[in-house]
């Protein structure tokens, strides 16, 4: 599947128009429903391959991938299968039972990981994941996302010393559907 075909599929299957409140609290006239693309094997397989290639390009020395729960887990699993790199899961908060961990999976402090995410708006969720990974002694310098909504996430991560590398920018996908790129509804 070409990059253009993948972008067209993302738009066709998951770009919704209406009035939406985003995780950041902002309102938008469009919404990219990540579960509509992360639950489709054809799209998830192609995204895993694209993410694996992007990680190889931006963080070739990474020894592990990291995916925030919930949306980043399927992407990290798909990219792990495509790249051969193991992955870890970053919980939203430390669980209160079992092993009481926030980071799930095997890792060693000092390892270089590349963080994967679905859709980035303000970067708040990724910033929390970066903090959780660093608290465990892991090194995070790059994050790869499927879509950057271009609403400050890249800048927020840059302030943490993390470079965001999107597979697609919102303006590219909105152009496919010819939706005006109004950022706040």
Protein backbone atom coordinates (compact mmCIF):
# COMPACT_ATOMS: atom_id res chain seq x y z
CA UNK A 1 0.00 0.00 0.00
CA UNK A 2 1.42 3.41 -0.92
CA UNK A 3 1.56 6.28 1.54
CA UNK A 4 -1.12 8.10 -0.49
CA UNK A 5 -3.40 5.05 -0.41
CA UNK A 6 -2.89 4.74 3.34
CA UNK A 7 -3.76 8.41 3.87
CA UNK A 8 -6.87 8.04 1.73
CA UNK A 9 -7.94 4.99 3.77
CA UNK A 10 -7.43 6.87 7.05
CA UNK A 11 -9.67 9.64 5.76
CA UNK A 12 -12.29 7.31 4.30
CA UNK A 13 -12.60 5.10 7.38
CA UNK A 14 -11.98 7.45 10.29
CA UNK A 15 -12.34 11.17 9.51
CA UNK A 16 -15.61 12.44 10.97
CA UNK A 17 -17.19 15.87 10.56
CA UNK A 18 -19.32 17.55 13.22
CA UNK A 19 -18.78 19.24 16.57
CA UNK A 20 -16.23 17.45 18.74
CA UNK A 21 -14.47 18.13 22.04
CA UNK A 22 -10.87 16.91 21.94
CA UNK A 23 -8.84 15.49 24.84
CA UNK A 24 -7.17 18.90 25.07
CA UNK A 25 -10.58 20.48 25.75
CA UNK A 26 -10.57 22.30 22.43
CA UNK A 27 -13.50 22.05 20.03
CA UNK A 28 -13.11 20.95 16.43
CA UNK A 29 -15.29 20.55 13.35
CA UNK A 30 -13.48 17.31 12.51
CA UNK A 31 -12.26 14.28 14.39
CA UNK A 32 -10.01 11.42 13.41
CA UNK A 33 -11.45 8.37 15.19
CA UNK A 34 -8.33 6.31 15.91
CA UNK A 35 -10.32 3.22 16.81
CA UNK A 36 -11.76 3.13 13.32
CA UNK A 37 -8.27 2.73 11.87
CA UNK A 38 -6.53 0.84 14.68
CA UNK A 39 -9.08 -1.98 14.58
CA UNK A 40 -8.87 -2.62 10.83
CA UNK A 41 -6.21 -5.27 10.05
CA UNK A 42 -5.39 -3.88 6.59
CA UNK A 43 -4.79 -0.37 7.92
CA UNK A 44 -3.07 -1.49 11.13
CA UNK A 45 -0.65 -3.70 9.17
CA UNK A 46 0.24 -0.81 6.83
CA UNK A 47 0.61 1.59 9.75
CA UNK A 48 2.89 -0.87 11.56
CA UNK A 49 5.14 -1.03 8.51
CA UNK A 50 5.18 2.77 8.13
CA UNK A 51 5.86 3.30 11.84
CA UNK A 52 8.66 0.71 11.82
CA UNK A 53 10.26 2.45 8.84
CA UNK A 54 9.91 5.87 10.52
CA UNK A 55 11.52 4.57 13.73
CA UNK A 56 14.38 3.10 11.71
CA UNK A 57 14.91 6.49 10.10
CA UNK A 58 14.66 8.74 13.15
CA UNK A 59 15.89 6.49 15.96
CA UNK A 60 17.95 3.67 14.41
CA UNK A 61 19.59 2.83 17.74
CA UNK A 62 16.29 2.28 19.58
CA UNK A 63 16.15 -1.11 21.26
CA UNK A 64 12.49 -0.94 22.18
CA UNK A 65 9.24 0.74 21.19
CA UNK A 66 6.78 2.25 23.65
CA UNK A 67 3.04 2.69 23.19
CA UNK A 68 0.77 4.61 25.56
CA UNK A 69 -2.41 2.81 26.62
CA UNK A 70 -4.89 2.56 25.03
CA UNK A 71 -4.46 3.91 21.52
CA UNK A 72 -0.72 3.40 21.16
CA UNK A 73 -0.75 -0.28 22.12
CA UNK A 74 -2.10 -1.74 18.87
CA UNK A 75 0.23 0.54 16.89
CA UNK A 76 3.25 -0.48 18.99
CA UNK A 77 2.37 -4.16 18.58
CA UNK A 78 2.02 -3.80 14.81
CA UNK A 79 5.27 -1.82 14.54
CA UNK A 80 7.04 -4.37 16.76
CA UNK A 81 6.01 -7.18 14.42
CA UNK A 82 7.18 -5.18 11.39
CA UNK A 83 10.50 -4.07 12.94
CA UNK A 84 11.40 -6.99 15.19
CA UNK A 85 11.81 -4.57 18.12
CA UNK A 86 10.07 -5.47 21.38
CA UNK A 87 7.68 -2.96 22.91
CA UNK A 88 6.48 -1.77 26.28
CA UNK A 89 3.14 -0.29 27.28
CA UNK A 90 2.83 2.98 29.18
CA UNK A 91 -0.24 2.98 31.41
CA UNK A 92 -2.12 6.22 32.07
CA UNK A 93 -1.43 5.68 35.75
CA UNK A 94 0.19 3.09 37.98
CA UNK A 95 -2.11 0.14 38.47
CA UNK A 96 -3.20 -0.59 42.02
CA UNK A 97 -3.03 -4.38 41.78
CA UNK A 98 -0.76 -7.22 40.65
CA UNK A 99 2.72 -5.89 39.99
CA UNK A 100 1.61 -2.25 40.51
CA UNK A 101 3.53 -1.02 37.46
CA UNK A 102 3.00 1.94 35.17
CA UNK A 103 5.31 0.54 32.48
CA UNK A 104 4.39 -2.97 31.33
CA UNK A 105 6.82 -5.30 29.60
CA UNK A 106 10.52 -6.04 29.92
CA UNK A 107 13.10 -3.25 29.79
CA UNK A 108 16.33 -2.10 31.41
CA UNK A 109 17.05 1.43 32.65
CA UNK A 110 19.23 3.30 30.16
CA UNK A 111 17.63 1.75 27.09
CA UNK A 112 16.75 4.01 24.17
CA UNK A 113 13.06 3.75 23.27
CA UNK A 114 10.99 5.35 20.55
CA UNK A 115 7.50 6.40 21.58
CA UNK A 116 4.58 5.70 19.22
CA UNK A 117 1.19 7.42 19.28
CA UNK A 118 -1.93 7.64 17.19
CA UNK A 119 -3.17 11.24 17.01
CA UNK A 120 -1.34 14.17 18.64
CA UNK A 121 -3.12 17.46 19.36
CA UNK A 122 -1.60 19.43 22.24
CA UNK A 123 0.91 16.71 23.15
CA UNK A 124 -0.32 16.36 26.73
CA UNK A 125 -0.77 12.59 26.68
CA UNK A 126 2.61 12.03 25.05
CA UNK A 127 4.31 14.39 27.50
CA UNK A 128 2.90 12.28 30.35
CA UNK A 129 4.19 9.11 28.67
CA UNK A 130 7.65 10.67 28.21
CA UNK A 131 7.72 11.54 31.91
CA UNK A 132 6.67 8.02 32.94
CA UNK A 133 9.34 6.43 30.72
CA UNK A 134 12.06 8.77 31.97
CA UNK A 135 11.02 8.13 35.57
CA UNK A 136 11.93 4.48 34.93
CA UNK A 137 15.36 5.48 33.57
CA UNK A 138 14.53 5.02 29.89
CA UNK A 139 15.85 7.40 27.24
CA UNK A 140 13.28 9.06 24.97
CA UNK A 141 14.38 11.45 22.20
CA UNK A 142 11.85 10.79 19.45
CA UNK A 143 8.16 10.07 19.09
CA UNK A 144 6.39 8.95 15.94
CA UNK A 145 2.67 9.51 15.51
CA UNK A 146 0.19 8.57 12.83
CA UNK A 147 -1.32 12.07 12.64
CA UNK A 148 -0.18 15.41 14.01
CA UNK A 149 -3.21 17.70 14.25
CA UNK A 150 -0.68 20.57 14.22
CA UNK A 151 -2.11 22.20 17.32
CA UNK A 152 0.98 22.56 19.50
CA UNK A 153 1.94 18.96 20.23
CA UNK A 154 5.23 19.17 18.39
CA UNK A 155 6.24 22.29 20.34
CA UNK A 156 5.17 20.80 23.67
CA UNK A 157 7.34 17.75 23.07
CA UNK A 158 10.26 19.86 21.83
CA UNK A 159 10.26 21.60 25.22
CA UNK A 160 10.92 18.13 26.71
CA UNK A 161 13.73 17.42 24.26
CA UNK A 162 11.60 15.02 22.19
CA UNK A 163 11.15 15.39 18.45
CA UNK A 164 7.74 14.50 17.01
CA UNK A 165 7.73 12.84 13.61
CA UNK A 166 4.27 12.36 12.10
CA UNK A 167 3.41 9.95 9.32
CA UNK A 168 0.73 12.45 8.27
CA UNK A 169 -0.06 16.05 9.14
CA UNK A 170 -3.68 17.10 9.59
CA UNK A 171 -3.56 19.48 6.62
CA UNK A 172 -2.63 16.58 4.30
CA UNK A 173 -5.59 14.49 5.39
CA UNK A 174 -8.01 17.41 5.41
CA UNK A 175 -6.98 18.20 1.86
CA UNK A 176 -7.95 14.67 0.80
CA UNK A 177 -11.49 15.32 2.10
CA UNK A 178 -11.42 19.05 1.22
CA UNK A 179 -12.28 20.04 4.79
CA UNK A 180 -11.19 23.55 5.71
CA UNK A 181 -8.34 23.30 8.19
CA UNK A 182 -10.00 25.45 10.84
CA UNK A 183 -8.21 24.50 13.99
CA UNK A 184 -10.75 25.27 16.69
CA UNK A 185 -14.11 24.57 15.14
